[in-house]
C-alpha atoms as a PDB file:
ATOM      1  CA  MET A   1      55.405 -33.071 -19.881  1.00  0.00           C
ATOM      2  CA  LYS A   2      54.402 -29.715 -21.330  1.00  0.00           C
ATOM      3  CA  PHE A   3      56.210 -26.385 -20.920  1.00  0.00           C
ATOM      4  CA  LEU A   4      55.285 -22.821 -21.798  1.00  0.00           C
ATOM      5  CA  ILE A   5      58.431 -20.690 -22.071  1.00  0.00           C
ATOM      6  CA  ALA A   6      58.547 -16.963 -22.788  1.00  0.00           C
ATOM      7  CA  ASP A   7      61.254 -14.403 -23.498  1.00  0.00           C
ATOM      8  CA  ASP A   8      61.344 -11.358 -25.738  1.00  0.00           C
ATOM      9  CA  HIS A   9      64.941 -12.083 -26.787  1.00  0.00           C
ATOM     10  CA  GLU A  10      64.744 -14.714 -29.504  1.00  0.00           C
ATOM     11  CA  LEU A  11      68.295 -15.969 -29.018  1.00  0.00           C
ATOM     12  CA  PHE A  12      67.750 -16.691 -25.330  1.00  0.00           C
ATOM     13  CA  LEU A  13      64.339 -18.198 -26.008  1.00  0.00           C
ATOM     14  CA  GLN A  14      65.854 -20.616 -28.519  1.00  0.00           C
ATOM     15  CA  GLY A  15      68.681 -21.428 -26.120  1.00  0.00           C
ATOM     16  CA  LEU A  16      66.239 -22.211 -23.324  1.00  0.00           C
ATOM     17  CA  GLU A  17      64.201 -24.382 -25.672  1.00  0.00           C
ATOM     18  CA  PHE A  18      67.375 -26.280 -26.631  1.00  0.00           C
ATOM     19  CA  ILE A  19      68.272 -26.894 -22.969  1.00  0.00           C
ATOM     20  CA  LEU A  20      64.786 -28.188 -22.182  1.00  0.00           C
ATOM     21  CA  ARG A  21      64.597 -30.464 -25.219  1.00  0.00           C
ATOM     22  CA  LYS A  22      67.962 -31.947 -24.275  1.00  0.00           C
ATOM     23  CA  GLU A  23      66.840 -32.648 -20.709  1.00  0.00           C
ATOM     24  CA  TYR A  24      63.192 -33.549 -21.392  1.00  0.00           C
ATOM     25  CA  SER A  25      63.293 -35.203 -24.798  1.00  0.00           C
ATOM     26  CA  ASP A  26      59.587 -36.109 -24.863  1.00  0.00           C
ATOM     27  CA  ALA A  27      58.327 -32.739 -23.648  1.00  0.00           C
ATOM     28  CA  GLU A  28      56.005 -30.503 -25.623  1.00  0.00           C
ATOM     29  CA  ILE A  29      57.323 -26.933 -25.594  1.00  0.00           C
ATOM     30  CA  VAL A  30      55.252 -23.891 -26.502  1.00  0.00           C
ATOM     31  CA  LEU A  31      57.012 -20.559 -27.086  1.00  0.00           C
ATOM     32  CA  ALA A  32      55.886 -16.985 -26.423  1.00  0.00           C
ATOM     33  CA  LYS A  33      57.733 -13.720 -27.032  1.00  0.00           C
ATOM     34  CA  ASN A  34      55.778 -11.402 -24.725  1.00  0.00           C
ATOM     35  CA  TYR A  35      53.051 -11.345 -22.089  1.00  0.00           C
ATOM     36  CA  THR A  36      50.342 -10.794 -24.680  1.00  0.00           C
ATOM     37  CA  GLU A  37      51.252 -14.090 -26.348  1.00  0.00           C
ATOM     38  CA  ILE A  38      51.334 -15.835 -22.950  1.00  0.00           C
ATOM     39  CA  PHE A  39      47.798 -14.688 -22.156  1.00  0.00           C
ATOM     40  CA  ASP A  40      46.555 -15.660 -25.629  1.00  0.00           C
ATOM     41  CA  ILE A  41      48.049 -19.137 -25.256  1.00  0.00           C
ATOM     42  CA  LEU A  42      46.643 -19.641 -21.749  1.00  0.00           C
ATOM     43  CA  GLU A  43      43.175 -18.541 -22.863  1.00  0.00           C
ATOM     44  CA  LYS A  44      43.147 -21.485 -25.294  1.00  0.00           C
ATOM     45  CA  ASN A  45      45.252 -24.069 -23.481  1.00  0.00           C
ATOM     46  CA  ARG A  46      45.992 -24.487 -19.781  1.00  0.00           C
ATOM     47  CA  ASP A  47      47.323 -28.035 -19.564  1.00  0.00           C
ATOM     48  CA  PHE A  48      50.940 -26.997 -18.944  1.00  0.00           C
ATOM     49  CA  ASP A  49      53.124 -28.569 -16.269  1.00  0.00           C
ATOM     50  CA  LEU A  50      55.289 -25.473 -15.913  1.00  0.00           C
ATOM     51  CA  ILE A  51      55.575 -21.876 -17.100  1.00  0.00           C
ATOM     52  CA  LEU A  52      59.060 -20.352 -17.445  1.00  0.00           C
ATOM     53  CA  THR A  53      59.015 -16.675 -18.244  1.00  0.00           C
ATOM     54  CA  ASP A  54      61.217 -13.616 -18.408  1.00  0.00           C
ATOM     55  CA  LEU A  55      60.228 -10.789 -16.094  1.00  0.00           C
ATOM     56  CA  ALA A  56      60.530  -7.558 -18.088  1.00  0.00           C
ATOM     57  CA  MET A  57      58.677  -8.150 -21.354  1.00  0.00           C
ATOM     58  CA  PRO A  58      56.272  -6.196 -23.578  1.00  0.00           C
ATOM     59  CA  GLY A  59      52.549  -6.641 -23.097  1.00  0.00           C
ATOM     60  CA  ALA A  60      52.069  -5.955 -19.393  1.00  0.00           C
ATOM     61  CA  ASN A  61      53.584  -4.740 -16.166  1.00  0.00           C
ATOM     62  CA  TRP A  62      55.404  -7.700 -14.661  1.00  0.00           C
ATOM     63  CA  LEU A  63      53.519  -7.605 -11.363  1.00  0.00           C
ATOM     64  CA  ASP A  64      50.162  -7.486 -13.117  1.00  0.00           C
ATOM     65  CA  ALA A  65      51.299 -10.236 -15.488  1.00  0.00           C
ATOM     66  CA  ILE A  66      52.301 -12.627 -12.704  1.00  0.00           C
ATOM     67  CA  LEU A  67      49.039 -12.024 -10.883  1.00  0.00           C
ATOM     68  CA  ARG A  68      47.043 -12.599 -14.056  1.00  0.00           C
ATOM     69  CA  MET A  69      48.893 -15.825 -14.938  1.00  0.00           C
ATOM     70  CA  HIS A  70      48.474 -17.128 -11.408  1.00  0.00           C
ATOM     71  CA  LYS A  71      44.783 -16.238 -11.449  1.00  0.00           C
ATOM     72  CA  MET A  72      44.235 -17.847 -14.863  1.00  0.00           C
ATOM     73  CA  CYS A  73      46.100 -21.043 -13.958  1.00  0.00           C
ATOM     74  CA  PRO A  74      46.607 -21.302 -10.179  1.00  0.00           C
ATOM     75  CA  GLU A  75      47.578 -24.960 -10.514  1.00  0.00           C
ATOM     76  CA  ILE A  76      50.507 -24.323 -12.893  1.00  0.00           C
ATOM     77  CA  PRO A  77      53.816 -23.448 -11.176  1.00  0.00           C
ATOM     78  CA  ILE A  78      55.681 -20.436 -12.546  1.00  0.00           C
ATOM     79  CA  ILE A  79      59.450 -19.972 -12.657  1.00  0.00           C
ATOM     80  CA  ILE A  80      60.895 -16.553 -13.438  1.00  0.00           C
ATOM     81  CA  ILE A  81      64.130 -16.630 -15.436  1.00  0.00           C
ATOM     82  CA  SER A  82      65.545 -13.132 -15.680  1.00  0.00           C
ATOM     83  CA  ALA A  83      68.634 -10.949 -15.867  1.00  0.00           C
ATOM     84  CA  VAL A  84      66.996  -8.762 -13.196  1.00  0.00           C
ATOM     85  CA  PHE A  85      68.190 -10.055  -9.841  1.00  0.00           C
ATOM     86  CA  GLU A  86      67.308  -7.471  -7.212  1.00  0.00           C
ATOM     87  CA  LYS A  87      66.424  -8.893  -3.809  1.00  0.00           C
ATOM     88  CA  GLU A  88      63.272  -6.814  -3.358  1.00  0.00           C
ATOM     89  CA  ILE A  89      61.943  -7.932  -6.738  1.00  0.00           C
ATOM     90  CA  LEU A  90      62.757 -11.566  -5.988  1.00  0.00           C
ATOM     91  CA  GLN A  91      60.839 -11.440  -2.716  1.00  0.00           C
ATOM     92  CA  LYS A  92      57.836  -9.707  -4.286  1.00  0.00           C
ATOM     93  CA  THR A  93      57.542 -12.328  -7.037  1.00  0.00           C
ATOM     94  CA  TYR A  94      57.335 -15.059  -4.382  1.00  0.00           C
ATOM     95  CA  ASP A  95      54.671 -13.062  -2.552  1.00  0.00           C
ATOM     96  CA  PHE A  96      52.761 -12.930  -5.833  1.00  0.00           C
ATOM     97  CA  GLY A  97      52.805 -16.687  -6.316  1.00  0.00           C
ATOM     98  CA  VAL A  98      55.880 -17.845  -8.264  1.00  0.00           C
ATOM     99  CA  SER A  99      57.503 -21.190  -7.492  1.00  0.00           C
ATOM    100  CA  GLY A 100      61.045 -20.258  -8.475  1.00  0.00           C
ATOM    101  CA  TYR A 101      63.325 -17.452  -9.618  1.00  0.00           C
ATOM    102  CA  VAL A 102      66.568 -18.103 -11.478  1.00  0.00           C
ATOM    103  CA  SER A 103      69.083 -15.807 -13.099  1.00  0.00           C
ATOM    104  CA  LYS A 104      69.904 -16.024 -16.790  1.00  0.00           C
ATOM    105  CA  SER A 105      73.537 -16.154 -15.707  1.00  0.00           C
ATOM    106  CA  PHE A 106      73.019 -19.428 -13.807  1.00  0.00           C
ATOM    107  CA  PRO A 107      74.658 -22.533 -15.298  1.00  0.00           C
ATOM    108  CA  ASN A 108      72.360 -24.882 -17.175  1.00  0.00           C
ATOM    109  CA  SER A 109      72.654 -27.537 -14.477  1.00  0.00           C
ATOM    110  CA  LEU A 110      71.359 -25.163 -11.809  1.00  0.00           C
ATOM    111  CA  ILE A 111      68.442 -24.049 -13.984  1.00  0.00           C
ATOM    112  CA  ILE A 112      67.503 -27.684 -14.634  1.00  0.00           C
ATOM    113  CA  GLY A 113      67.862 -28.450 -10.930  1.00  0.00           C
ATOM    114  CA  ALA A 114      65.465 -25.632 -10.072  1.00  0.00           C
ATOM    115  CA  ILE A 115      62.983 -26.882 -12.671  1.00  0.00           C
ATOM    116  CA  ASN A 116      63.150 -30.435 -11.330  1.00  0.00           C
ATOM    117  CA  LEU A 117      62.571 -29.224  -7.770  1.00  0.00           C
ATOM    118  CA  VAL A 118      59.514 -27.220  -8.802  1.00  0.00           C
ATOM    119  CA  LEU A 119      58.136 -30.094 -10.899  1.00  0.00           C
ATOM    120  CA  ALA A 120      58.500 -32.304  -7.816  1.00  0.00           C
ATOM    121  CA  GLY A 121      56.283 -29.909  -5.876  1.00  0.00           C
ATOM    122  CA  GLY A 122      58.938 -27.763  -4.241  1.00  0.00           C
ATOM    123  CA  VAL A 123      59.803 -24.088  -4.468  1.00  0.00           C
ATOM    124  CA  TYR A 124      63.250 -22.979  -5.606  1.00  0.00           C
ATOM    125  CA  ILE A 125      64.690 -19.980  -3.753  1.00  0.00           C
ATOM    126  CA  PRO A 126      68.133 -18.708  -4.822  1.00  0.00           C
ATOM    127  CA  PRO A 127      70.743 -18.126  -2.083  1.00  0.00           C
ATOM    128  CA  GLU A 128      70.856 -14.414  -2.919  1.00  0.00           C
ATOM    129  CA  ILE A 129      67.454 -13.866  -1.354  1.00  0.00           C
ATOM    130  CA  LEU A 130      68.944 -14.770   2.029  1.00  0.00           C
ATOM    131  CA  GLN A 131      70.768 -11.439   2.014  1.00  0.00           C
ATOM    132  CA  MET A 132      67.602  -9.381   2.330  1.00  0.00           C
ATOM    133  CA  SER A 133      68.018  -6.293   4.449  1.00  0.00           C
ATOM    134  CA  THR A 134      65.620  -6.937   7.314  1.00  0.00           C
ATOM    135  CA  GLN A 135      66.477  -9.661   9.778  1.00  0.00           C
ATOM    136  CA  SER A 136      62.884 -10.796  10.183  1.00  0.00           C
ATOM    137  CA  SER A 137      62.460 -11.289   6.438  1.00  0.00           C
ATOM    138  CA  SER A 138      65.767 -13.125   6.255  1.00  0.00           C
ATOM    139  CA  GLU A 139      64.759 -15.465   9.048  1.00  0.00           C
ATOM    140  CA  THR A 140      61.495 -16.236   7.296  1.00  0.00           C
ATOM    141  CA  VAL A 141      63.229 -17.034   4.027  1.00  0.00           C
ATOM    142  CA  ARG A 142      65.918 -19.108   5.747  1.00  0.00           C
ATOM    143  CA  ASN A 143      63.173 -21.224   7.274  1.00  0.00           C
ATOM    144  CA  MET A 144      61.534 -21.544   3.847  1.00  0.00           C
ATOM    145  CA  VAL A 145      64.803 -22.641   2.263  1.00  0.00           C
ATOM    146  CA  ARG A 146      65.503 -25.102   5.055  1.00  0.00           C
ATOM    147  CA  ASP A 147      62.110 -26.742   4.718  1.00  0.00           C
ATOM    148  CA  LEU A 148      61.839 -26.575   0.950  1.00  0.00           C
ATOM    149  CA  ASN A 149      65.249 -28.126   0.454  1.00  0.00           C
ATOM    150  CA  LYS A 150      63.954 -31.139   2.342  1.00  0.00           C
ATOM    151  CA  ALA A 151      61.622 -31.718  -0.605  1.00  0.00           C
ATOM    152  CA  GLN A 152      64.450 -33.495  -2.373  1.00  0.00           C
ATOM    153  CA  VAL A 153      64.641 -36.165   0.337  1.00  0.00           C
ATOM    154  CA  SER A 154      60.984 -36.365   1.283  1.00  0.00           C
ATOM    155  CA  GLU A 155      59.798 -39.962   1.372  1.00  0.00           C
ATOM    156  CA  ASN A 156      56.053 -39.517   1.808  1.00  0.00           C
ATOM    157  CA  LYS A 157      53.795 -41.052  -0.778  1.00  0.00           C
ATOM    158  CA  CYS A 158      52.914 -37.828  -2.582  1.00  0.00           C
ATOM    159  CA  ASN A 159      56.317 -36.129  -2.433  1.00  0.00           C
ATOM    160  CA  LEU A 160      54.977 -33.360  -0.209  1.00  0.00           C
ATOM    161  CA  THR A 161      57.537 -31.110   1.441  1.00  0.00           C
ATOM    162  CA  PRO A 162      57.715 -30.833   5.248  1.00  0.00           C
ATOM    163  CA  ARG A 163      56.303 -27.306   4.989  1.00  0.00           C
ATOM    164  CA  GLN A 164      53.371 -28.551   2.904  1.00  0.00           C
ATOM    165  CA  ILE A 165      52.646 -31.080   5.647  1.00  0.00           C
ATOM    166  CA  ASP A 166      52.627 -28.183   8.141  1.00  0.00           C
ATOM    167  CA  VAL A 167      50.182 -26.337   5.881  1.00  0.00           C
ATOM    168  CA  LEU A 168      47.986 -29.446   5.695  1.00  0.00           C
ATOM    169  CA  TYR A 169      47.763 -29.588   9.487  1.00  0.00           C
ATOM    170  CA  CYS A 170      46.721 -25.936   9.534  1.00  0.00           C
ATOM    171  CA  MET A 171      44.109 -26.644   6.870  1.00  0.00           C
ATOM    172  CA  ALA A 172      42.833 -29.545   8.984  1.00  0.00           C
ATOM    173  CA  GLU A 173      42.390 -27.044  11.837  1.00  0.00           C
ATOM    174  CA  GLY A 174      40.213 -24.939   9.546  1.00  0.00           C
ATOM    175  CA  LEU A 175      42.626 -22.004   9.398  1.00  0.00           C
ATOM    176  CA  ALA A 176      42.364 -19.480   6.564  1.00  0.00           C
ATOM    177  CA  ASN A 177      45.396 -18.629   4.422  1.00  0.00           C
ATOM    178  CA  LYS A 178      46.113 -15.468   6.408  1.00  0.00           C
ATOM    179  CA  GLN A 179      46.014 -17.417   9.688  1.00  0.00           C
ATOM    180  CA  ILE A 180      48.277 -20.134   8.265  1.00  0.00           C
ATOM    181  CA  ALA A 181      50.737 -17.494   7.105  1.00  0.00           C
ATOM    182  CA  TYR A 182      50.840 -15.948  10.583  1.00  0.00           C
ATOM    183  CA  LYS A 183      51.184 -19.298  12.360  1.00  0.00           C
ATOM    184  CA  LEU A 184      53.991 -20.594  10.108  1.00  0.00           C
ATOM    185  CA  GLY A 185      55.800 -17.287   9.621  1.00  0.00           C
ATOM    186  CA  LEU A 186      55.192 -17.227   5.859  1.00  0.00           C
ATOM    187  CA  SER A 187      53.730 -14.707   3.445  1.00  0.00           C
ATOM    188  CA  GLU A 188      50.150 -15.331   2.378  1.00  0.00           C
ATOM    189  CA  GLY A 189      51.364 -15.680  -1.206  1.00  0.00           C
ATOM    190  CA  THR A 190      53.747 -18.456  -0.182  1.00  0.00           C
ATOM    191  CA  VAL A 191      50.927 -20.254   1.639  1.00  0.00           C
ATOM    192  CA  LYS A 192      48.880 -20.129  -1.561  1.00  0.00           C
ATOM    193  CA  ILE A 193      51.795 -21.655  -3.474  1.00  0.00           C
ATOM    194  CA  HIS A 194      52.045 -24.532  -1.003  1.00  0.00           C
ATOM    195  CA  ILE A 195      48.303 -25.182  -1.069  1.00  0.00           C
ATOM    196  CA  THR A 196      48.206 -25.162  -4.856  1.00  0.00           C
ATOM    197  CA  LEU A 197      51.114 -27.589  -5.116  1.00  0.00           C
ATOM    198  CA  LEU A 198      49.972 -29.966  -2.382  1.00  0.00           C
ATOM    199  CA  MET A 199      46.484 -30.182  -3.894  1.00  0.00           C
ATOM    200  CA  ARG A 200      48.076 -30.944  -7.248  1.00  0.00           C
ATOM    201  CA  ASN A 201      50.249 -33.684  -5.741  1.00  0.00           C
ATOM    202  CA  LEU A 202      47.289 -35.133  -3.868  1.00  0.00           C
ATOM    203  CA  GLU A 203      45.202 -34.947  -7.076  1.00  0.00           C
ATOM    204  CA  VAL A 204      42.322 -33.082  -5.472  1.00  0.00           C
ATOM    205  CA  ASN A 205      40.676 -29.764  -6.288  1.00  0.00           C
ATOM    206  CA  ASN A 206      39.624 -28.352  -2.922  1.00  0.00           C
ATOM    207  CA  ARG A 207      40.917 -27.987   0.637  1.00  0.00           C
ATOM    208  CA  THR A 208      38.477 -30.412   2.256  1.00  0.00           C
ATOM    209  CA  ALA A 209      39.386 -33.166  -0.180  1.00  0.00           C
ATOM    210  CA  ALA A 210      43.092 -32.462   0.402  1.00  0.00           C
ATOM    211  CA  VAL A 211      42.755 -32.912   4.165  1.00  0.00           C
ATOM    212  CA  ARG A 212      40.604 -36.023   3.755  1.00  0.00           C
ATOM    213  CA  LYS A 213      43.065 -37.664   1.378  1.00  0.00           C
ATOM    214  CA  ALA A 214      46.060 -36.721   3.532  1.00  0.00           C
ATOM    215  CA  LEU A 215      44.379 -38.423   6.487  1.00  0.00           C
ATOM    216  CA  GLN A 216      43.599 -41.508   4.411  1.00  0.00           C
ATOM    217  CA  LEU A 217      47.224 -41.745   3.246  1.00  0.00           C
ATOM    218  CA  GLY A 218      48.577 -41.223   6.751  1.00  0.00           C
ATOM    219  CA  LEU A 219      50.388 -38.034   5.782  1.00  0.00           C
ATOM    220  CA  ILE A 220      48.799 -36.255   8.756  1.00  0.00           C
ATOM    221  CA  LYS A 221      47.017 -37.407  11.871  1.00  0.00           C
ATOM    222  CA  ASP A 222      43.525 -36.419  12.883  1.00  0.00           C
ATOM    223  CA  VAL A 223      43.446 -33.031  14.590  1.00  0.00           C
ATOM    224  CA  GLU A 224      41.501 -32.989  17.853  1.00  0.00           C
END
């Protein structure tokens, strides 16, 4: 297990490192204090299992930073851990490809729970995002939460979530990300997250191989 964690407040960064070392005693943990250091680290080493990063840090605009990290390492899930907890910002980070968003005020057990869910291939969405202003957005996120929470009890061979199975069926139909998003009522960014994670769990590096392996394992049935 290998983590990259970043925060521009040294005290919090050390506290997060302590929590992770206590929970994952054999993990390798690499520290960064700003986005510039994150990019420098990822240019040299991209074999991380998870990136945990603060949102507002020196070195880049947070939206640009998330996009750049996701582009550099699309296979590595990203969890935002921040004191900023505005619903619009939360939603936008998911649209831009993060796998989880937790508040710095959350108890350690909840932070670890979110990390474990993401490491298992799920996406952690805090309850606060359910209070978004528009009903349509709220319904979409409720459906995401409902399906993603099932990840914890999924019994398929590759620990894929029910929503990832839905995405696999759409991929088997030859649908593009935008079409999958429309069909499943998700954002295109969320679809990309699911595809990245399911390909990682299936240990393949392209969509065709993912569908082929899912069929071989019986995770989906052949689409007529």
